[in-house]
Amino acid sequence: MNLKIKFRESFRPFAPAVLLERASEYFEPGTASPYMLLTAQVRDEKRHIPAVTHVDGSARLQTVAHEENPLFHDLLREFDRQTGCPVIINTSFNVRGEPIVCTPHDAMKCFLRTDMDYLVIGSFLLNKKVLDASRIAEVHFEEFELD
């Protein structure tokens, strides 16, 4: 993800998003952190999630409660059902050196310019493999100099 989408160094960890009700199984403390303002230690027995674990064992945690974000919570719950892990990677939606995506148009530009396979916007799922490029409206790509 760092190399194909974010275009940044491969050692940089991502933030974890976790079901609030399962946070204490993976993180100490497992308290609510819906806005990624807190760090927590990844429990030793859960260090099998290295993509979100910093070298000091910490992670910048986002907890997801059903009352606050039912769609994202349902996605995490389904991921947990299929994989046995209630944690997914969370990162800003942008390429290094570019502004963060703010609109669906920005999201499409970023999606089409990177090696992302899928894009989810609300309840819509786009699969790059089945997109008909001839039917996609022309997207103006501004160039941003990478640092």
C-alpha atoms as a PDB file:
ATOM      1  CA  MET A   1       0.000   0.000   0.000  1.00  0.00           C
ATOM      2  CA  ASN A   2       2.825   2.386   0.811  1.00  0.00           C
ATOM      3  CA  LEU A   3       4.560   1.700  -2.487  1.00  0.00           C
ATOM      4  CA  LYS A   4       1.615   1.275  -4.892  1.00  0.00           C
ATOM      5  CA  ILE A   5      -0.869   3.792  -3.536  1.00  0.00           C
ATOM      6  CA  LYS A   6       0.715   6.248  -1.096  1.00  0.00           C
ATOM      7  CA  PHE A   7       4.093   6.412  -2.908  1.00  0.00           C
ATOM      8  CA  ARG A   8       5.997   6.688   0.370  1.00  0.00           C
ATOM      9  CA  GLU A   9       8.599   4.696   2.290  1.00  0.00           C
ATOM     10  CA  SER A  10       7.589   1.106   3.006  1.00  0.00           C
ATOM     11  CA  PHE A  11       8.464   1.244   6.727  1.00  0.00           C
ATOM     12  CA  ARG A  12       5.750   3.785   7.602  1.00  0.00           C
ATOM     13  CA  PRO A  13       2.900   2.168   9.563  1.00  0.00           C
ATOM     14  CA  PHE A  14      -0.757   2.947   9.041  1.00  0.00           C
ATOM     15  CA  ALA A  15      -3.363   3.650  11.694  1.00  0.00           C
ATOM     16  CA  PRO A  16      -5.693   0.855  12.815  1.00  0.00           C
ATOM     17  CA  ALA A  17      -9.466   1.164  12.749  1.00  0.00           C
ATOM     18  CA  VAL A  18     -11.041  -1.336  15.139  1.00  0.00           C
ATOM     19  CA  LEU A  19     -14.504  -2.212  16.383  1.00  0.00           C
ATOM     20  CA  LEU A  20     -14.946  -0.333  19.661  1.00  0.00           C
ATOM     21  CA  GLU A  21     -16.280  -3.433  21.409  1.00  0.00           C
ATOM     22  CA  ARG A  22     -13.132  -5.414  20.425  1.00  0.00           C
ATOM     23  CA  ALA A  23     -10.499  -2.681  20.945  1.00  0.00           C
ATOM     24  CA  SER A  24      -9.320  -3.911  24.359  1.00  0.00           C
ATOM     25  CA  GLU A  25      -8.486  -7.333  22.853  1.00  0.00           C
ATOM     26  CA  TYR A  26      -5.864  -5.714  20.607  1.00  0.00           C
ATOM     27  CA  PHE A  27      -4.791  -2.487  22.314  1.00  0.00           C
ATOM     28  CA  GLU A  28      -3.856  -1.184  25.791  1.00  0.00           C
ATOM     29  CA  PRO A  29      -5.750   0.806  26.756  1.00  0.00           C
ATOM     30  CA  GLY A  30      -8.637  -0.139  24.524  1.00  0.00           C
ATOM     31  CA  THR A  31     -10.615   3.011  25.287  1.00  0.00           C
ATOM     32  CA  ALA A  32     -12.705   4.897  22.769  1.00  0.00           C
ATOM     33  CA  SER A  33     -10.750   6.999  20.284  1.00  0.00           C
ATOM     34  CA  PRO A  34     -13.123   7.838  17.423  1.00  0.00           C
ATOM     35  CA  TYR A  35     -10.976  10.646  15.997  1.00  0.00           C
ATOM     36  CA  MET A  36      -7.497   9.053  16.051  1.00  0.00           C
ATOM     37  CA  LEU A  37      -6.332  11.427  18.784  1.00  0.00           C
ATOM     38  CA  LEU A  38      -4.891   8.756  21.082  1.00  0.00           C
ATOM     39  CA  THR A  39      -2.150   6.204  20.831  1.00  0.00           C
ATOM     40  CA  ALA A  40      -2.323   2.788  22.430  1.00  0.00           C
ATOM     41  CA  GLN A  41       0.085  -0.104  22.797  1.00  0.00           C
ATOM     42  CA  VAL A  42      -0.590  -3.123  20.601  1.00  0.00           C
ATOM     43  CA  ARG A  43      -0.935  -6.115  22.937  1.00  0.00           C
ATOM     44  CA  ASP A  44       2.065  -8.458  22.669  1.00  0.00           C
ATOM     45  CA  GLU A  45      -0.104 -11.395  21.605  1.00  0.00           C
ATOM     46  CA  LYS A  46      -1.609  -9.257  18.788  1.00  0.00           C
ATOM     47  CA  ARG A  47       1.636  -8.067  17.205  1.00  0.00           C
ATOM     48  CA  HIS A  48       0.646 -10.048  14.087  1.00  0.00           C
ATOM     49  CA  ILE A  49      -0.757  -6.754  12.762  1.00  0.00           C
ATOM     50  CA  PRO A  50       2.573  -5.104  11.857  1.00  0.00           C
ATOM     51  CA  ALA A  51       1.127  -2.738   9.237  1.00  0.00           C
ATOM     52  CA  VAL A  52      -0.329  -0.637  12.079  1.00  0.00           C
ATOM     53  CA  THR A  53       2.357  -1.147  14.735  1.00  0.00           C
ATOM     54  CA  HIS A  54       5.109   1.428  15.235  1.00  0.00           C
ATOM     55  CA  VAL A  55       8.605   0.301  16.274  1.00  0.00           C
ATOM     56  CA  ASP A  56       7.794   1.151  19.908  1.00  0.00           C
ATOM     57  CA  GLY A  57       4.701  -1.099  19.812  1.00  0.00           C
ATOM     58  CA  SER A  58       2.225   1.782  19.677  1.00  0.00           C
ATOM     59  CA  ALA A  59      -0.539   2.576  17.210  1.00  0.00           C
ATOM     60  CA  ARG A  60      -2.622   5.697  16.536  1.00  0.00           C
ATOM     61  CA  LEU A  61      -5.993   4.135  17.151  1.00  0.00           C
ATOM     62  CA  GLN A  62      -9.442   4.804  15.717  1.00  0.00           C
ATOM     63  CA  THR A  63     -12.296   2.986  17.408  1.00  0.00           C
ATOM     64  CA  VAL A  64     -15.553   2.602  15.517  1.00  0.00           C
ATOM     65  CA  ALA A  65     -18.871   2.473  17.383  1.00  0.00           C
ATOM     66  CA  HIS A  66     -22.065   1.444  15.643  1.00  0.00           C
ATOM     67  CA  GLU A  67     -23.936   4.493  16.976  1.00  0.00           C
ATOM     68  CA  GLU A  68     -21.369   6.890  15.496  1.00  0.00           C
ATOM     69  CA  ASN A  69     -20.689   5.265  12.136  1.00  0.00           C
ATOM     70  CA  PRO A  70     -22.996   2.323  11.355  1.00  0.00           C
ATOM     71  CA  LEU A  71     -21.760   1.765   7.785  1.00  0.00           C
ATOM     72  CA  PHE A  72     -18.072   1.623   8.749  1.00  0.00           C
ATOM     73  CA  HIS A  73     -18.907  -0.481  11.826  1.00  0.00           C
ATOM     74  CA  ASP A  74     -20.804  -2.970   9.660  1.00  0.00           C
ATOM     75  CA  LEU A  75     -17.835  -3.141   7.271  1.00  0.00           C
ATOM     76  CA  LEU A  76     -15.457  -3.884  10.160  1.00  0.00           C
ATOM     77  CA  ARG A  77     -17.834  -6.475  11.579  1.00  0.00           C
ATOM     78  CA  GLU A  78     -18.061  -8.245   8.219  1.00  0.00           C
ATOM     79  CA  PHE A  79     -14.264  -8.133   7.813  1.00  0.00           C
ATOM     80  CA  ASP A  80     -13.966  -9.666  11.293  1.00  0.00           C
ATOM     81  CA  ARG A  81     -16.496 -12.380  10.366  1.00  0.00           C
ATOM     82  CA  GLN A  82     -14.551 -13.298   7.240  1.00  0.00           C
ATOM     83  CA  THR A  83     -11.003 -13.032   8.634  1.00  0.00           C
ATOM     84  CA  GLY A  84     -11.241 -13.315  12.416  1.00  0.00           C
ATOM     85  CA  CYS A  85      -9.647  -9.873  12.784  1.00  0.00           C
ATOM     86  CA  PRO A  86     -11.673  -6.739  13.696  1.00  0.00           C
ATOM     87  CA  VAL A  87      -8.850  -4.375  12.660  1.00  0.00           C
ATOM     88  CA  ILE A  88      -8.263  -2.777   9.264  1.00  0.00           C
ATOM     89  CA  ILE A  89      -5.783  -0.233   7.987  1.00  0.00           C
ATOM     90  CA  ASN A  90      -6.855   3.395   8.139  1.00  0.00           C
ATOM     91  CA  THR A  91      -4.978   6.118   6.311  1.00  0.00           C
ATOM     92  CA  SER A  92      -5.638   9.494   4.790  1.00  0.00           C
ATOM     93  CA  PHE A  93      -7.008   9.287   1.257  1.00  0.00           C
ATOM     94  CA  ASN A  94      -4.294  10.971  -0.752  1.00  0.00           C
ATOM     95  CA  VAL A  95      -1.012  10.360  -2.501  1.00  0.00           C
ATOM     96  CA  ARG A  96       2.125  11.715  -0.866  1.00  0.00           C
ATOM     97  CA  GLY A  97       2.531  15.357  -1.810  1.00  0.00           C
ATOM     98  CA  GLU A  98      -1.114  15.820  -2.814  1.00  0.00           C
ATOM     99  CA  PRO A  99      -4.001  17.290  -0.843  1.00  0.00           C
ATOM    100  CA  ILE A 100      -6.386  14.945   0.945  1.00  0.00           C
ATOM    101  CA  VAL A 101      -9.385  13.796  -1.084  1.00  0.00           C
ATOM    102  CA  CYS A 102     -12.428  15.957  -0.298  1.00  0.00           C
ATOM    103  CA  THR A 103     -14.966  15.157  -3.036  1.00  0.00           C
ATOM    104  CA  PRO A 104     -16.097  12.136  -5.081  1.00  0.00           C
ATOM    105  CA  HIS A 105     -14.307  13.718  -8.056  1.00  0.00           C
ATOM    106  CA  ASP A 106     -11.062  13.866  -6.033  1.00  0.00           C
ATOM    107  CA  ALA A 107     -11.608  10.234  -5.012  1.00  0.00           C
ATOM    108  CA  MET A 108     -11.997   9.128  -8.635  1.00  0.00           C
ATOM    109  CA  LYS A 109      -8.848  11.000  -9.665  1.00  0.00           C
ATOM    110  CA  CYS A 110      -6.830   9.355  -6.908  1.00  0.00           C
ATOM    111  CA  PHE A 111      -8.350   5.939  -7.639  1.00  0.00           C
ATOM    112  CA  LEU A 112      -7.567   6.121 -11.348  1.00  0.00           C
ATOM    113  CA  ARG A 113      -3.999   7.387 -10.825  1.00  0.00           C
ATOM    114  CA  THR A 114      -2.894   4.697  -8.365  1.00  0.00           C
ATOM    115  CA  ASP A 115      -2.781   0.912  -8.208  1.00  0.00           C
ATOM    116  CA  MET A 116      -5.927   0.715  -6.069  1.00  0.00           C
ATOM    117  CA  ASP A 117      -8.202  -2.130  -7.113  1.00  0.00           C
ATOM    118  CA  TYR A 118     -11.426  -0.910  -5.496  1.00  0.00           C
ATOM    119  CA  LEU A 119     -12.987   2.349  -4.397  1.00  0.00           C
ATOM    120  CA  VAL A 120     -15.866   2.529  -1.927  1.00  0.00           C
ATOM    121  CA  ILE A 121     -17.891   5.738  -1.769  1.00  0.00           C
ATOM    122  CA  GLY A 122     -20.804   5.415   0.627  1.00  0.00           C
ATOM    123  CA  SER A 123     -22.624   2.245  -0.394  1.00  0.00           C
ATOM    124  CA  PHE A 124     -21.053   2.153  -3.895  1.00  0.00           C
ATOM    125  CA  LEU A 125     -18.180  -0.174  -4.790  1.00  0.00           C
ATOM    126  CA  LEU A 126     -16.084   0.458  -7.906  1.00  0.00           C
ATOM    127  CA  ASN A 127     -13.863  -2.314  -9.252  1.00  0.00           C
ATOM    128  CA  LYS A 128     -11.119  -0.997 -11.506  1.00  0.00           C
ATOM    129  CA  LYS A 129     -10.947  -4.293 -13.424  1.00  0.00           C
ATOM    130  CA  VAL A 130     -14.512  -3.979 -14.672  1.00  0.00           C
ATOM    131  CA  LEU A 131     -14.649  -0.234 -15.297  1.00  0.00           C
ATOM    132  CA  ASP A 132     -15.274   0.691 -18.911  1.00  0.00           C
ATOM    133  CA  ALA A 133     -12.661   3.382 -19.417  1.00  0.00           C
ATOM    134  CA  SER A 134     -14.456   4.655 -22.524  1.00  0.00           C
ATOM    135  CA  ARG A 135     -17.507   5.512 -20.407  1.00  0.00           C
ATOM    136  CA  ILE A 136     -15.651   7.378 -17.668  1.00  0.00           C
ATOM    137  CA  ALA A 137     -15.960  11.123 -18.068  1.00  0.00           C
ATOM    138  CA  GLU A 138     -12.670  12.842 -18.770  1.00  0.00           C
ATOM    139  CA  VAL A 139     -10.923  13.453 -15.490  1.00  0.00           C
ATOM    140  CA  HIS A 140      -8.622  16.437 -15.279  1.00  0.00           C
ATOM    141  CA  PHE A 141      -5.429  15.399 -13.519  1.00  0.00           C
ATOM    142  CA  GLU A 142      -3.531  18.184 -11.861  1.00  0.00           C
ATOM    143  CA  GLU A 143       0.094  17.404 -11.255  1.00  0.00           C
ATOM    144  CA  PHE A 144       1.500  17.798  -7.763  1.00  0.00           C
ATOM    145  CA  GLU A 145       5.223  17.755  -7.210  1.00  0.00           C
ATOM    146  CA  LEU A 146       6.194  14.987  -4.792  1.00  0.00           C
ATOM    147  CA  ASP A 147       8.556  15.892  -1.988  1.00  0.00           C
END
